[in-house]
Amino acid sequence: MKTLGRSDRVDLPGLGLSAIQAKIDTGAYTSSLHCSHVKVNNQHLEFVLLDEEHLEFTGMKFTFKKFTQREIKNSFGEAELRYVIKTTVKIFGEVFKTEFSLSDRDKLRFPVLLGRKILRHRFVIDVTKKDLSFNSKSPGL
């Protein structure tokens, strides 16, 4: 099993993002993505990843035909109704398909949160470290 630290930079190939900051959160079950302008239009979920303040912001709108909506507890233990999509995340050069809830994380430091569902049986977490996956990349990858 590979070791992840308290945070890392991951790729989201299904969304065209690379080296995006992610918090490793064993207290969260579902992973989460920071997005804005979330709406359902003609049974398609539309959203913009990140916000204008974020360095990796492109303003690009994403559309998903397949999505769900469910109650997810926030960091304060309060249930919120959130949209959930499935996409890919690349860690240590391996691509995993997982669920991400869409939420407004603009007041939080990390635009991506990786929860237990993606971490379980794949990674050991060492909170004294960070960027282990990102730093393992060979130059030019």
C-alpha atoms as a PDB file:
ATOM      1  CA  MET A   1       0.000   0.000   0.000  1.00  0.00           C
ATOM      2  CA  LYS A   2       1.250   3.494  -0.849  1.00  0.00           C
ATOM      3  CA  THR A   3       1.419   6.277   1.702  1.00  0.00           C
ATOM      4  CA  LEU A   4      -0.296   9.646   1.312  1.00  0.00           C
ATOM      5  CA  GLY A   5       0.319  12.650   3.511  1.00  0.00           C
ATOM      6  CA  ARG A   6      -2.153  15.165   4.901  1.00  0.00           C
ATOM      7  CA  SER A   7      -2.364  16.859   1.499  1.00  0.00           C
ATOM      8  CA  ASP A   8      -1.188  16.279  -2.058  1.00  0.00           C
ATOM      9  CA  ARG A   9      -1.547  17.480  -5.612  1.00  0.00           C
ATOM     10  CA  VAL A  10      -3.673  15.185  -7.747  1.00  0.00           C
ATOM     11  CA  ASP A  11      -4.817  15.068 -11.350  1.00  0.00           C
ATOM     12  CA  LEU A  12      -8.463  14.960 -12.366  1.00  0.00           C
ATOM     13  CA  PRO A  13      -8.104  13.625 -15.926  1.00  0.00           C
ATOM     14  CA  GLY A  14     -11.855  13.443 -16.535  1.00  0.00           C
ATOM     15  CA  LEU A  15     -12.076  17.180 -15.879  1.00  0.00           C
ATOM     16  CA  GLY A  16      -8.815  18.221 -17.524  1.00  0.00           C
ATOM     17  CA  LEU A  17      -7.133  19.394 -14.314  1.00  0.00           C
ATOM     18  CA  SER A  18      -3.662  18.474 -13.146  1.00  0.00           C
ATOM     19  CA  ALA A  19      -1.648  19.097  -9.992  1.00  0.00           C
ATOM     20  CA  ILE A  20      -4.653  20.465  -8.123  1.00  0.00           C
ATOM     21  CA  GLN A  21      -4.353  20.769  -4.342  1.00  0.00           C
ATOM     22  CA  ALA A  22      -6.241  18.113  -2.387  1.00  0.00           C
ATOM     23  CA  LYS A  23      -6.760  17.646   1.327  1.00  0.00           C
ATOM     24  CA  ILE A  24      -6.662  14.043   2.519  1.00  0.00           C
ATOM     25  CA  ASP A  25      -9.571  13.736   4.948  1.00  0.00           C
ATOM     26  CA  THR A  26     -10.160  10.401   6.658  1.00  0.00           C
ATOM     27  CA  GLY A  27     -13.058  12.003   8.547  1.00  0.00           C
ATOM     28  CA  ALA A  28     -15.028  12.493   5.326  1.00  0.00           C
ATOM     29  CA  TYR A  29     -16.655   9.543   3.574  1.00  0.00           C
ATOM     30  CA  THR A  30     -17.225  11.088   0.132  1.00  0.00           C
ATOM     31  CA  SER A  31     -14.686  13.150  -1.785  1.00  0.00           C
ATOM     32  CA  SER A  32     -15.626  16.719  -2.663  1.00  0.00           C
ATOM     33  CA  LEU A  33     -14.893  19.261  -5.417  1.00  0.00           C
ATOM     34  CA  HIS A  34     -15.082  23.034  -5.139  1.00  0.00           C
ATOM     35  CA  CYS A  35     -17.358  24.455  -7.795  1.00  0.00           C
ATOM     36  CA  SER A  36     -19.686  27.332  -8.500  1.00  0.00           C
ATOM     37  CA  HIS A  37     -22.706  28.099 -10.686  1.00  0.00           C
ATOM     38  CA  VAL A  38     -24.224  24.656 -10.101  1.00  0.00           C
ATOM     39  CA  LYS A  39     -27.603  24.087 -11.754  1.00  0.00           C
ATOM     40  CA  VAL A  40     -29.674  21.455 -13.497  1.00  0.00           C
ATOM     41  CA  ASN A  41     -30.648  22.409 -17.029  1.00  0.00           C
ATOM     42  CA  ASN A  42     -32.695  20.014 -19.213  1.00  0.00           C
ATOM     43  CA  GLN A  43     -31.841  17.081 -16.912  1.00  0.00           C
ATOM     44  CA  HIS A  44     -28.103  17.819 -17.218  1.00  0.00           C
ATOM     45  CA  LEU A  45     -25.996  19.008 -14.294  1.00  0.00           C
ATOM     46  CA  GLU A  46     -23.938  22.085 -15.161  1.00  0.00           C
ATOM     47  CA  PHE A  47     -21.207  23.649 -13.033  1.00  0.00           C
ATOM     48  CA  VAL A  48     -17.969  25.617 -13.150  1.00  0.00           C
ATOM     49  CA  LEU A  49     -14.998  24.192 -11.274  1.00  0.00           C
ATOM     50  CA  LEU A  50     -13.309  26.431  -8.739  1.00  0.00           C
ATOM     51  CA  ASP A  51     -13.957  30.182  -8.745  1.00  0.00           C
ATOM     52  CA  GLU A  52     -12.379  33.318 -10.145  1.00  0.00           C
ATOM     53  CA  GLU A  53     -10.061  33.649  -7.138  1.00  0.00           C
ATOM     54  CA  HIS A  54      -8.404  30.271  -7.687  1.00  0.00           C
ATOM     55  CA  LEU A  55      -5.127  30.013  -9.657  1.00  0.00           C
ATOM     56  CA  GLU A  56      -6.329  27.002 -11.706  1.00  0.00           C
ATOM     57  CA  PHE A  57      -9.693  28.632 -12.570  1.00  0.00           C
ATOM     58  CA  THR A  58     -10.513  28.382 -16.275  1.00  0.00           C
ATOM     59  CA  GLY A  59     -14.175  29.398 -16.271  1.00  0.00           C
ATOM     60  CA  MET A  60     -14.931  26.270 -18.265  1.00  0.00           C
ATOM     61  CA  LYS A  61     -18.442  24.893 -17.773  1.00  0.00           C
ATOM     62  CA  PHE A  62     -18.840  21.136 -17.230  1.00  0.00           C
ATOM     63  CA  THR A  63     -21.982  19.169 -18.030  1.00  0.00           C
ATOM     64  CA  PHE A  64     -22.856  15.748 -16.656  1.00  0.00           C
ATOM     65  CA  LYS A  65     -25.839  13.725 -17.792  1.00  0.00           C
ATOM     66  CA  LYS A  66     -25.332  11.141 -15.043  1.00  0.00           C
ATOM     67  CA  PHE A  67     -25.469  12.496 -11.499  1.00  0.00           C
ATOM     68  CA  THR A  68     -27.250  11.930  -8.228  1.00  0.00           C
ATOM     69  CA  GLN A  69     -28.304  14.100  -5.349  1.00  0.00           C
ATOM     70  CA  ARG A  70     -27.995  13.070  -1.712  1.00  0.00           C
ATOM     71  CA  GLU A  71     -27.599  14.319   1.815  1.00  0.00           C
ATOM     72  CA  ILE A  72     -23.985  14.650   2.885  1.00  0.00           C
ATOM     73  CA  LYS A  73     -22.825  15.896   6.278  1.00  0.00           C
ATOM     74  CA  ASN A  74     -20.562  18.927   6.159  1.00  0.00           C
ATOM     75  CA  SER A  75     -17.609  19.490   8.489  1.00  0.00           C
ATOM     76  CA  PHE A  76     -19.998  20.841  11.148  1.00  0.00           C
ATOM     77  CA  GLY A  77     -22.086  17.648  11.073  1.00  0.00           C
ATOM     78  CA  GLU A  78     -25.013  19.355   9.333  1.00  0.00           C
ATOM     79  CA  ALA A  79     -26.687  17.488   6.457  1.00  0.00           C
ATOM     80  CA  GLU A  80     -26.624  19.255   3.086  1.00  0.00           C
ATOM     81  CA  LEU A  81     -28.302  18.177  -0.130  1.00  0.00           C
ATOM     82  CA  ARG A  82     -25.490  17.968  -2.717  1.00  0.00           C
ATOM     83  CA  TYR A  83     -25.072  16.850  -6.288  1.00  0.00           C
ATOM     84  CA  VAL A  84     -22.712  13.906  -6.748  1.00  0.00           C
ATOM     85  CA  ILE A  85     -20.822  13.002  -9.938  1.00  0.00           C
ATOM     86  CA  LYS A  86     -18.434  10.213 -10.871  1.00  0.00           C
ATOM     87  CA  THR A  87     -15.104  11.084 -12.445  1.00  0.00           C
ATOM     88  CA  THR A  88     -11.469  10.024 -12.308  1.00  0.00           C
ATOM     89  CA  VAL A  89      -8.627  10.987 -10.009  1.00  0.00           C
ATOM     90  CA  LYS A  90      -4.968  10.152 -10.623  1.00  0.00           C
ATOM     91  CA  ILE A  91      -2.753   9.439  -7.610  1.00  0.00           C
ATOM     92  CA  PHE A  92       0.742   7.906  -7.804  1.00  0.00           C
ATOM     93  CA  GLY A  93       0.225   7.467 -11.560  1.00  0.00           C
ATOM     94  CA  GLU A  94      -2.857   5.287 -11.054  1.00  0.00           C
ATOM     95  CA  VAL A  95      -6.307   6.368 -12.210  1.00  0.00           C
ATOM     96  CA  PHE A  96      -9.320   5.647  -9.994  1.00  0.00           C
ATOM     97  CA  LYS A  97     -12.980   6.282 -10.739  1.00  0.00           C
ATOM     98  CA  THR A  98     -14.750   7.755  -7.727  1.00  0.00           C
ATOM     99  CA  GLU A  99     -17.633   9.916  -6.587  1.00  0.00           C
ATOM    100  CA  PHE A 100     -17.274  13.600  -5.800  1.00  0.00           C
ATOM    101  CA  SER A 101     -19.902  15.764  -4.171  1.00  0.00           C
ATOM    102  CA  LEU A 102     -20.052  19.307  -5.512  1.00  0.00           C
ATOM    103  CA  SER A 103     -19.784  22.020  -2.906  1.00  0.00           C
ATOM    104  CA  ASP A 104     -18.761  25.600  -2.374  1.00  0.00           C
ATOM    105  CA  ARG A 105     -15.305  25.325  -0.780  1.00  0.00           C
ATOM    106  CA  ASP A 106     -14.242  28.928  -1.490  1.00  0.00           C
ATOM    107  CA  LYS A 107     -13.593  29.648   2.189  1.00  0.00           C
ATOM    108  CA  LEU A 108     -11.477  26.503   2.494  1.00  0.00           C
ATOM    109  CA  ARG A 109      -7.808  26.163   1.578  1.00  0.00           C
ATOM    110  CA  PHE A 110      -8.107  23.061  -0.621  1.00  0.00           C
ATOM    111  CA  PRO A 111     -10.417  22.893  -3.651  1.00  0.00           C
ATOM    112  CA  VAL A 112     -10.448  19.075  -3.544  1.00  0.00           C
ATOM    113  CA  LEU A 113     -11.086  16.839  -0.577  1.00  0.00           C
ATOM    114  CA  LEU A 114     -10.346  13.107  -0.804  1.00  0.00           C
ATOM    115  CA  GLY A 115     -12.475  11.048   1.570  1.00  0.00           C
ATOM    116  CA  ARG A 116     -12.390   7.511   2.927  1.00  0.00           C
ATOM    117  CA  LYS A 117     -14.282   5.978   0.015  1.00  0.00           C
ATOM    118  CA  ILE A 118     -11.332   6.518  -2.367  1.00  0.00           C
ATOM    119  CA  LEU A 119      -8.626   6.073   0.288  1.00  0.00           C
ATOM    120  CA  ARG A 120      -9.804   2.813   1.890  1.00  0.00           C
ATOM    121  CA  HIS A 121      -7.742  -0.300   1.039  1.00  0.00           C
ATOM    122  CA  ARG A 122      -5.492   1.797  -1.225  1.00  0.00           C
ATOM    123  CA  PHE A 123      -3.482   4.172   0.941  1.00  0.00           C
ATOM    124  CA  VAL A 124      -2.012   4.582   4.394  1.00  0.00           C
ATOM    125  CA  ILE A 125      -2.091   8.150   5.686  1.00  0.00           C
ATOM    126  CA  ASP A 126       0.908   9.767   7.408  1.00  0.00           C
ATOM    127  CA  VAL A 127      -0.159  13.219   8.587  1.00  0.00           C
ATOM    128  CA  THR A 128       3.458  14.323   9.053  1.00  0.00           C
ATOM    129  CA  LYS A 129       3.979  14.251   5.262  1.00  0.00           C
ATOM    130  CA  LYS A 130       2.533  15.986   2.212  1.00  0.00           C
ATOM    131  CA  ASP A 131       2.737  15.888  -1.609  1.00  0.00           C
ATOM    132  CA  LEU A 132       4.071  12.303  -1.693  1.00  0.00           C
ATOM    133  CA  SER A 133       2.228  11.399  -4.921  1.00  0.00           C
ATOM    134  CA  PHE A 134       3.069  14.703  -6.604  1.00  0.00           C
ATOM    135  CA  ASN A 135       6.750  14.485  -5.643  1.00  0.00           C
ATOM    136  CA  SER A 136       6.969  10.912  -6.945  1.00  0.00           C
ATOM    137  CA  LYS A 137       6.245  12.035 -10.517  1.00  0.00           C
ATOM    138  CA  SER A 138       9.169  11.780 -12.888  1.00  0.00           C
ATOM    139  CA  PRO A 139      10.136  15.021 -14.644  1.00  0.00           C
ATOM    140  CA  GLY A 140       8.186  15.449 -17.844  1.00  0.00           C
ATOM    141  CA  LEU A 141       5.112  13.486 -16.707  1.00  0.00           C
END
